[in-house]
Amino acid sequence: MQIYKVGGAVRDRLLGKPVTDIDWVVVGATTEEMLAKGFRPVGADFPVFLHPKSGEEYALARTERKSGRGYGGFTFHASPEVTLEEDLIRRDLTINAMAEDDQQNLTDPYHGRRDLEERILRHVSPAFAEDPLRVLRVARFAARYAELGFKVASETLALMRQLSESGELEALTAERSWKEISRALMEDQPQVFIQVLRDCGALKVLMPEVDALFGVPQPQAHHPEIDSGIHTLSVLEQSALYKQPLTVRWACLLHDLGKGLTPEEEWPRHIAHEHKGLKLIKAINERFKAPKDCQELALLVGQYHTHGHRALELKASTLLELLQSFDVYRRPQRFEEFIVACEMDARGRKGLEQRSYPQADYLRGAANVARGVAVQPLLEKGFKGPELGEALKRERLKALKAYKESAAS
């Protein structure tokens, strides 16, 4: 029995990055031997075991063969005869197909170290094209390591394009797709993830609503970058630069989908794109079964982001309606995430990344004013039920009018 550290732990150590998760491969062992040593089996499908003390996962070396469609369409074979090299060749990228023994001696049959040094994301074998999930994984790695200068090898991109055109991507489950998408959006350069998907034709399969934005112009006076798709990438880039949570990043990706529906004869204007985009945002939310908080914020940002930009011009009544739509009294965090999504949208414009966004503090102030209206005096005046709600609304409107006059003076 020989035990090796494999995959990401080896890759990240060689890159000088912190190692968080460690994967282990066991060569020359049987299931019975693992159980005799106190390892606990994980599930029935894979020969994977939990270490009796550390709880880390140890997998028996295995080979795999394509047997059906999608990510799960594989038959696995594990036995003591399977070599380390045979186990490593089934992995996606050469930089993930290296192993180390307990003395840090490197086993690198597919030149992963060379590709690390040359900053290349390259597939290990032609079997790469059998697993559609690898399209998303490679795009995610491209986003993760973009800051180090990594690029996808042209021959790997060609296989990704082949997968995108094969219909295999449609076989991915919503859960697996969302896991990769959400992880990619939380990388330091998530816009690279979207760009790589577009480069290999996967974006128009997985997110045709986002792909449709590229080549659609916007008014140059407001958007020096002109292209709606480029703008979306820039907004996503800003959201990562400002360390925004997943909810905000998802909303930033989807906020302008309505612009992809504007007839060409109306370009570069996009009248009512906020409302038109809602059905597209709903569709993409449902397709990937995004978490509820991500779904809700994406829809609200899509509908109201231009309200955010025009906050200083809004009538007090419109401002109150906006606050009510977000339920700022019970869910203040959601309105805060809306504000920062609007700010990312404003900063995601060529040459305007550093421009101040006074709307943010103005909206926060308005929310505080509305929340500050006390209910008790109205109760003491005898208001109750629907009448109390209307009285509270009048008092909040009065307070917002005073706030608006104060801000203008």
Protein backbone atom coordinates (compact mmCIF):
# COMPACT_ATOMS: atom_id res chain seq x y z
CA MET A 1 0.00 0.00 0.00
CA GLN A 2 1.38 3.40 -1.04
CA ILE A 3 -0.25 6.70 -0.18
CA TYR A 4 0.15 9.91 -2.21
CA LYS A 5 -0.97 13.49 -1.87
CA VAL A 6 -2.57 14.48 -5.20
CA GLY A 7 -4.25 17.29 -7.12
CA GLY A 8 -4.78 20.76 -5.73
CA ALA A 9 -2.61 20.34 -2.64
CA VAL A 10 0.42 19.56 -4.81
CA ARG A 11 -0.40 22.28 -7.34
CA ASP A 12 -0.85 25.00 -4.75
CA ARG A 13 2.29 24.06 -2.82
CA LEU A 14 4.33 24.37 -6.00
CA LEU A 15 2.68 27.74 -6.70
CA GLY A 16 3.51 28.94 -3.20
CA LYS A 17 -0.17 29.27 -2.32
CA PRO A 18 -1.76 28.15 0.96
CA VAL A 19 -2.98 24.55 0.90
CA THR A 20 -6.46 24.16 2.36
CA ASP A 21 -7.87 20.78 1.28
CA ILE A 22 -5.73 17.69 0.78
CA ASP A 23 -6.74 14.76 -1.42
CA TRP A 24 -5.05 11.40 -0.95
CA VAL A 25 -4.78 8.44 -3.32
CA VAL A 26 -4.01 4.94 -2.12
CA VAL A 27 -2.24 2.61 -4.58
CA GLY A 28 -2.03 -1.15 -4.16
CA ALA A 29 -4.81 -1.57 -1.59
CA THR A 30 -8.22 -3.20 -1.43
CA THR A 31 -11.43 -2.05 0.24
CA GLU A 32 -11.00 -4.79 2.84
CA GLU A 33 -7.50 -3.56 3.75
CA MET A 34 -8.77 0.01 4.16
CA LEU A 35 -11.60 -1.15 6.45
CA ALA A 36 -9.18 -3.27 8.48
CA LYS A 37 -7.10 -0.14 9.14
CA GLY A 38 -10.13 1.68 10.51
CA PHE A 39 -11.01 3.79 7.46
CA ARG A 40 -14.72 4.53 7.10
CA PRO A 41 -16.32 4.16 3.62
CA VAL A 42 -18.07 7.15 2.02
CA GLY A 43 -21.12 6.20 -0.02
CA ALA A 44 -21.43 3.19 -2.31
CA ASP A 45 -20.47 4.60 -5.71
CA PHE A 46 -16.80 5.47 -5.20
CA PRO A 47 -13.96 3.69 -3.39
CA VAL A 48 -13.45 6.66 -1.03
CA PHE A 49 -12.76 6.42 2.71
CA LEU A 50 -12.43 8.77 5.68
CA HIS A 51 -9.23 8.58 7.76
CA PRO A 52 -10.04 7.26 11.26
CA LYS A 53 -8.34 10.23 12.96
CA SER A 54 -8.05 13.21 10.57
CA GLY A 55 -11.35 12.63 8.74
CA GLU A 56 -9.59 13.42 5.42
CA GLU A 57 -10.65 11.58 2.27
CA TYR A 58 -8.53 8.75 0.90
CA ALA A 59 -9.49 7.28 -2.49
CA LEU A 60 -8.32 4.00 -3.97
CA ALA A 61 -6.53 4.47 -7.29
CA ARG A 62 -9.06 3.94 -10.05
CA THR A 63 -9.68 4.14 -13.77
CA GLU A 64 -12.87 5.36 -15.39
CA ARG A 65 -14.72 4.78 -18.62
CA LYS A 66 -17.47 6.83 -20.27
CA SER A 67 -20.79 4.99 -20.06
CA GLY A 68 -23.47 7.65 -20.49
CA ARG A 69 -24.23 11.35 -20.82
CA GLY A 70 -23.22 14.11 -18.47
CA TYR A 71 -21.06 14.44 -15.41
CA GLY A 72 -22.28 11.19 -13.83
CA GLY A 73 -22.04 9.01 -16.94
CA PHE A 74 -18.91 7.07 -15.94
CA THR A 75 -18.04 3.56 -14.84
CA PHE A 76 -15.20 3.29 -12.31
CA HIS A 77 -12.78 0.45 -11.72
CA ALA A 78 -10.65 0.29 -8.57
CA SER A 79 -8.21 -2.50 -7.77
CA PRO A 80 -4.70 -2.95 -6.31
CA GLU A 81 -3.38 -3.30 -9.88
CA VAL A 82 -4.33 0.26 -10.89
CA THR A 83 -1.14 2.35 -11.02
CA LEU A 84 -0.67 5.92 -9.86
CA GLU A 85 -0.13 7.03 -13.47
CA GLU A 86 -3.42 5.38 -14.52
CA ASP A 87 -5.22 7.22 -11.73
CA LEU A 88 -3.65 10.56 -12.62
CA ILE A 89 -4.46 10.35 -16.35
CA ARG A 90 -8.21 10.49 -15.65
CA ARG A 91 -7.85 13.98 -14.11
CA ASP A 92 -8.79 17.17 -15.95
CA LEU A 93 -5.66 19.37 -16.14
CA THR A 94 -1.98 18.55 -16.08
CA ILE A 95 -1.48 20.92 -13.14
CA ASN A 96 -3.99 18.79 -11.20
CA ALA A 97 -2.41 15.48 -12.25
CA MET A 98 0.67 15.49 -10.02
CA ALA A 99 1.31 13.47 -6.87
CA GLU A 100 3.72 13.57 -3.93
CA ASP A 101 4.80 10.88 -1.49
CA ASP A 102 5.49 11.57 2.18
CA GLN A 103 9.01 12.78 1.28
CA GLN A 104 7.62 15.33 -1.22
CA ASN A 105 9.03 13.35 -4.14
CA LEU A 106 7.01 14.46 -7.16
CA THR A 107 5.32 12.10 -9.61
CA ASP A 108 4.53 14.15 -12.71
CA PRO A 109 3.93 11.88 -15.74
CA TYR A 110 1.93 14.51 -17.70
CA HIS A 111 4.26 17.53 -17.25
CA GLY A 112 2.08 19.48 -14.85
CA ARG A 113 5.05 21.26 -13.29
CA ARG A 114 6.17 22.51 -16.70
CA ASP A 115 2.68 23.85 -17.38
CA LEU A 116 2.66 25.53 -13.96
CA GLU A 117 5.90 27.30 -14.84
CA GLU A 118 4.60 28.25 -18.30
CA ARG A 119 1.24 29.36 -16.83
CA ILE A 120 -0.83 27.05 -19.05
CA LEU A 121 -4.10 25.26 -18.27
CA ARG A 122 -3.83 22.12 -20.43
CA HIS A 123 -5.91 18.93 -20.47
CA VAL A 124 -4.25 15.65 -19.52
CA SER A 125 -5.73 13.40 -22.21
CA PRO A 126 -8.41 13.33 -24.94
CA ALA A 127 -10.73 11.79 -22.31
CA PHE A 128 -11.12 15.38 -21.07
CA ALA A 129 -13.87 15.78 -23.68
CA GLU A 130 -15.97 13.05 -22.04
CA ASP A 131 -16.92 15.15 -18.99
CA PRO A 132 -18.93 18.34 -19.66
CA LEU A 133 -18.38 19.64 -16.12
CA ARG A 134 -14.74 20.20 -17.06
CA VAL A 135 -15.72 23.14 -19.26
CA LEU A 136 -16.90 24.96 -16.14
CA ARG A 137 -13.97 23.77 -14.05
CA VAL A 138 -11.33 24.98 -16.50
CA ALA A 139 -13.07 28.35 -16.81
CA ARG A 140 -13.09 28.56 -13.00
CA PHE A 141 -9.38 27.76 -12.80
CA ALA A 142 -8.76 30.44 -15.44
CA ALA A 143 -10.53 32.94 -13.16
CA ARG A 144 -8.62 31.77 -10.09
CA TYR A 145 -5.17 31.95 -11.63
CA ALA A 146 -5.65 34.85 -14.04
CA GLU A 147 -3.67 37.13 -11.72
CA LEU A 148 -0.67 34.80 -12.17
CA GLY A 149 -0.96 35.00 -15.96
CA PHE A 150 -2.48 31.57 -16.62
CA LYS A 151 -4.16 31.01 -20.00
CA VAL A 152 -6.14 28.09 -21.39
CA ALA A 153 -4.13 26.10 -23.96
CA SER A 154 -5.53 26.46 -27.47
CA GLU A 155 -5.96 22.70 -27.88
CA THR A 156 -7.83 22.53 -24.55
CA LEU A 157 -10.08 25.40 -25.61
CA ALA A 158 -10.79 23.45 -28.81
CA LEU A 159 -11.94 20.43 -26.76
CA MET A 160 -14.09 22.74 -24.60
CA ARG A 161 -15.65 24.09 -27.79
CA GLN A 162 -16.27 20.53 -28.97
CA LEU A 163 -18.04 19.76 -25.69
CA SER A 164 -20.11 22.95 -25.95
CA GLU A 165 -21.30 21.96 -29.40
CA SER A 166 -21.98 18.31 -28.53
CA GLY A 167 -25.10 18.84 -26.41
CA GLU A 168 -23.35 17.35 -23.36
CA LEU A 169 -23.56 20.60 -21.38
CA GLU A 170 -27.35 20.26 -21.31
CA ALA A 171 -26.90 16.99 -19.39
CA LEU A 172 -25.36 18.80 -16.40
CA THR A 173 -27.60 19.03 -13.37
CA ALA A 174 -28.53 22.43 -11.97
CA GLU A 175 -26.83 21.56 -8.69
CA ARG A 176 -23.45 20.67 -10.25
CA SER A 177 -23.55 23.69 -12.55
CA TRP A 178 -24.42 26.07 -9.71
CA LYS A 179 -21.63 24.68 -7.53
CA GLU A 180 -19.05 25.54 -10.21
CA ILE A 181 -20.66 28.88 -11.14
CA SER A 182 -20.93 30.07 -7.55
CA ARG A 183 -17.33 29.08 -6.78
CA ALA A 184 -16.13 30.80 -9.95
CA LEU A 185 -18.02 34.01 -9.14
CA MET A 186 -16.21 34.15 -5.79
CA GLU A 187 -12.76 34.02 -7.41
CA ASP A 188 -10.64 37.19 -7.63
CA GLN A 189 -11.36 37.63 -11.35
CA PRO A 190 -14.82 36.14 -12.03
CA GLN A 191 -15.13 38.06 -15.30
CA VAL A 192 -12.45 35.73 -16.71
CA PHE A 193 -14.76 32.77 -16.00
CA ILE A 194 -17.52 34.32 -18.12
CA GLN A 195 -15.07 35.32 -20.87
CA VAL A 196 -13.60 31.80 -21.13
CA LEU A 197 -17.10 30.29 -21.30
CA ARG A 198 -17.84 32.70 -24.11
CA ASP A 199 -14.57 31.91 -25.92
CA CYS A 200 -15.46 28.21 -26.09
CA GLY A 201 -19.14 28.66 -26.94
CA ALA A 202 -20.39 27.42 -23.57
CA LEU A 203 -21.90 30.73 -22.48
CA LYS A 204 -24.52 30.73 -25.24
CA VAL A 205 -25.50 27.20 -24.18
CA LEU A 206 -25.54 27.72 -20.40
CA MET A 207 -26.47 31.41 -20.16
CA PRO A 208 -27.74 32.58 -23.56
CA GLU A 209 -29.27 35.64 -21.85
CA VAL A 210 -25.78 36.83 -20.80
CA ASP A 211 -24.19 35.87 -24.12
CA ALA A 212 -26.80 37.97 -25.97
CA LEU A 213 -25.44 41.16 -24.35
CA PHE A 214 -22.18 41.04 -26.31
CA GLY A 215 -22.28 43.23 -29.40
CA VAL A 216 -25.24 45.25 -28.09
CA PRO A 217 -24.28 48.96 -27.88
CA GLN A 218 -25.20 51.46 -25.16
CA PRO A 219 -25.09 55.28 -25.27
CA GLN A 220 -21.43 56.28 -25.27
CA ALA A 221 -22.12 59.34 -23.09
CA HIS A 222 -23.03 57.07 -20.18
CA HIS A 223 -21.05 54.00 -21.20
CA PRO A 224 -17.64 54.76 -22.73
CA GLU A 225 -17.10 50.99 -23.13
CA ILE A 226 -20.26 50.95 -25.35
CA ASP A 227 -20.71 47.15 -25.47
CA SER A 228 -23.28 45.80 -22.97
CA GLY A 229 -21.40 42.52 -22.58
CA ILE A 230 -18.10 44.27 -21.85
CA HIS A 231 -19.93 46.44 -19.33
CA THR A 232 -21.30 43.35 -17.56
CA LEU A 233 -17.79 41.87 -17.30
CA SER A 234 -16.53 45.17 -15.88
CA VAL A 235 -19.30 45.31 -13.27
CA LEU A 236 -18.47 41.75 -12.24
CA GLU A 237 -14.79 42.67 -12.03
CA GLN A 238 -15.60 45.63 -9.75
CA SER A 239 -17.74 43.43 -7.50
CA ALA A 240 -14.74 41.15 -6.94
CA LEU A 241 -12.36 44.09 -6.48
CA TYR A 242 -14.61 45.35 -3.68
CA LYS A 243 -14.92 41.85 -2.15
CA GLN A 244 -18.70 41.68 -2.53
CA PRO A 245 -20.65 38.56 -1.45
CA LEU A 246 -22.09 36.00 -3.87
CA THR A 247 -25.55 37.60 -3.82
CA VAL A 248 -24.15 40.89 -5.12
CA ARG A 249 -21.92 39.24 -7.72
CA TRP A 250 -24.83 37.19 -9.09
CA ALA A 251 -26.98 40.32 -9.29
CA CYS A 252 -24.16 42.19 -11.06
CA LEU A 253 -23.93 39.45 -13.69
CA LEU A 254 -27.68 39.53 -14.42
CA HIS A 255 -28.65 43.18 -13.87
CA ASP A 256 -28.74 44.27 -17.54
CA LEU A 257 -30.19 41.18 -19.25
CA GLY A 258 -33.09 43.21 -20.65
CA LYS A 259 -30.69 45.05 -22.97
CA GLY A 260 -30.28 41.84 -24.94
CA LEU A 261 -33.97 42.09 -25.91
CA THR A 262 -33.84 45.64 -27.33
CA PRO A 263 -34.64 45.70 -31.09
CA GLU A 264 -31.64 46.85 -33.15
CA GLU A 265 -33.56 49.83 -34.53
CA GLU A 266 -33.77 51.22 -30.96
CA TRP A 267 -30.03 50.91 -30.24
CA PRO A 268 -28.14 52.33 -28.39
CA ARG A 269 -31.08 53.26 -26.11
CA HIS A 270 -32.70 50.58 -23.98
CA ILE A 271 -36.10 51.83 -22.91
CA ALA A 272 -37.65 49.83 -20.02
CA HIS A 273 -34.83 47.28 -20.13
CA GLU A 274 -35.21 46.88 -16.35
CA HIS A 275 -38.74 45.50 -16.64
CA LYS A 276 -38.04 43.49 -19.82
CA GLY A 277 -35.10 41.75 -18.16
CA LEU A 278 -37.09 40.33 -15.24
CA LYS A 279 -38.38 37.28 -17.14
CA LEU A 280 -34.81 36.49 -18.23
CA ILE A 281 -33.49 36.83 -14.68
CA LYS A 282 -36.25 34.51 -13.46
CA ALA A 283 -35.39 31.97 -16.16
CA ILE A 284 -31.68 31.88 -15.35
CA ASN A 285 -32.39 31.77 -11.59
CA GLU A 286 -34.61 28.73 -12.07
CA ARG A 287 -32.27 27.03 -14.53
CA PHE A 288 -29.48 26.85 -11.98
CA LYS A 289 -31.70 26.67 -8.89
CA ALA A 290 -29.80 29.61 -7.40
CA PRO A 291 -30.27 30.12 -3.63
CA LYS A 292 -33.28 32.21 -2.65
CA ASP A 293 -31.24 35.22 -1.48
CA CYS A 294 -29.35 35.29 -4.81
CA GLN A 295 -32.61 35.02 -6.78
CA GLU A 296 -34.34 37.79 -4.85
CA LEU A 297 -31.49 40.28 -5.02
CA ALA A 298 -30.90 39.66 -8.74
CA LEU A 299 -34.56 40.42 -9.51
CA LEU A 300 -34.63 43.53 -7.31
CA VAL A 301 -31.36 44.91 -8.73
CA GLY A 302 -32.56 44.18 -12.26
CA GLN A 303 -35.80 46.05 -11.66
CA TYR A 304 -34.54 49.01 -9.64
CA HIS A 305 -30.86 49.68 -10.46
CA THR A 306 -31.69 52.78 -12.51
CA HIS A 307 -33.68 54.05 -9.51
CA GLY A 308 -30.46 53.69 -7.55
CA HIS A 309 -28.51 55.76 -10.07
CA ARG A 310 -31.22 58.45 -10.09
CA ALA A 311 -31.69 58.41 -6.31
CA LEU A 312 -30.91 62.11 -5.86
CA GLU A 313 -33.62 63.02 -8.40
CA LEU A 314 -36.37 60.71 -7.13
CA LYS A 315 -39.51 62.19 -5.63
CA ALA A 316 -39.98 61.42 -1.94
CA SER A 317 -42.96 59.22 -2.82
CA THR A 318 -40.91 57.19 -5.32
CA LEU A 319 -38.12 56.88 -2.77
CA LEU A 320 -40.60 55.54 -0.22
CA GLU A 321 -41.93 52.99 -2.74
CA LEU A 322 -38.36 51.85 -3.40
CA LEU A 323 -37.70 51.36 0.32
CA GLN A 324 -41.01 49.51 0.73
CA SER A 325 -40.12 47.19 -2.18
CA PHE A 326 -36.99 46.10 -0.31
CA ASP A 327 -38.72 45.81 3.08
CA VAL A 328 -35.92 47.90 4.58
CA TYR A 329 -37.58 47.80 8.01
CA ARG A 330 -37.18 44.04 8.44
CA ARG A 331 -34.43 43.26 5.89
CA PRO A 332 -31.90 46.12 6.00
CA GLN A 333 -29.05 43.94 4.68
CA ARG A 334 -30.83 43.28 1.38
CA PHE A 335 -31.14 47.02 0.71
CA GLU A 336 -27.46 47.50 1.56
CA GLU A 337 -26.57 44.81 -1.01
CA PHE A 338 -28.76 46.59 -3.57
CA ILE A 339 -26.88 49.84 -2.93
CA VAL A 340 -23.46 48.27 -3.43
CA ALA A 341 -24.65 46.44 -6.57
CA CYS A 342 -25.72 49.81 -7.99
CA GLU A 343 -22.31 51.24 -7.08
CA MET A 344 -20.54 48.35 -8.82
CA ASP A 345 -22.74 49.01 -11.88
CA ALA A 346 -21.70 52.67 -11.87
CA ARG A 347 -18.01 51.78 -11.46
CA GLY A 348 -18.11 49.12 -14.19
CA ARG A 349 -17.64 51.71 -16.94
CA LYS A 350 -14.43 52.39 -18.81
CA GLY A 351 -12.56 55.31 -17.26
CA LEU A 352 -15.19 55.86 -14.54
CA GLU A 353 -14.06 53.15 -12.11
CA GLN A 354 -12.89 55.71 -9.51
CA ARG A 355 -15.77 58.17 -9.81
CA SER A 356 -17.57 58.86 -6.53
CA TYR A 357 -21.08 57.49 -6.04
CA PRO A 358 -22.95 59.89 -3.70
CA GLN A 359 -26.20 58.00 -4.35
CA ALA A 360 -24.97 55.27 -1.96
CA ASP A 361 -24.86 57.43 1.17
CA TYR A 362 -28.02 59.25 0.12
CA LEU A 363 -29.94 55.95 -0.10
CA ARG A 364 -28.53 54.75 3.22
CA GLY A 365 -29.62 58.02 4.81
CA ALA A 366 -33.11 57.71 3.35
CA ALA A 367 -33.45 54.18 4.70
CA ASN A 368 -32.36 55.33 8.16
CA VAL A 369 -34.87 58.22 8.07
CA ALA A 370 -37.73 55.90 7.10
CA ARG A 371 -36.75 53.34 9.74
CA GLY A 372 -36.50 56.11 12.33
CA VAL A 373 -40.21 57.01 12.20
CA ALA A 374 -41.66 55.83 15.52
CA VAL A 375 -44.83 53.74 15.66
CA GLN A 376 -45.65 54.38 19.32
CA PRO A 377 -46.99 57.97 18.91
CA LEU A 378 -49.37 56.73 16.23
CA LEU A 379 -50.60 53.92 18.47
CA GLU A 380 -51.18 56.46 21.23
CA LYS A 381 -53.32 58.48 18.81
CA GLY A 382 -55.55 55.44 18.38
CA PHE A 383 -54.42 54.24 14.96
CA LYS A 384 -54.62 50.48 14.39
CA GLY A 385 -54.89 47.93 11.59
CA PRO A 386 -54.84 49.29 8.01
CA GLU A 387 -55.24 52.84 9.31
CA LEU A 388 -52.02 52.47 11.31
CA GLY A 389 -50.21 51.36 8.14
CA GLU A 390 -51.46 54.37 6.19
CA ALA A 391 -50.56 56.77 9.02
CA LEU A 392 -47.09 55.27 9.25
CA LYS A 393 -46.69 55.66 5.49
CA ARG A 394 -47.70 59.35 5.70
CA GLU A 395 -45.20 60.01 8.49
CA ARG A 396 -42.41 58.28 6.58
CA LEU A 397 -43.23 60.28 3.46
CA LYS A 398 -43.15 63.49 5.48
CA ALA A 399 -39.76 62.51 6.96
CA LEU A 400 -38.36 61.66 3.50
CA LYS A 401 -39.53 65.00 2.09
CA ALA A 402 -37.68 66.80 4.90
CA TYR A 403 -34.62 64.60 4.28
CA LYS A 404 -34.70 65.38 0.55
CA GLU A 405 -34.94 69.17 1.20
CA SER A 406 -32.12 68.97 3.74
CA ALA A 407 -29.88 67.06 1.28
CA ALA A 408 -30.59 69.59 -1.48
CA SER A 409 -29.73 72.64 0.64
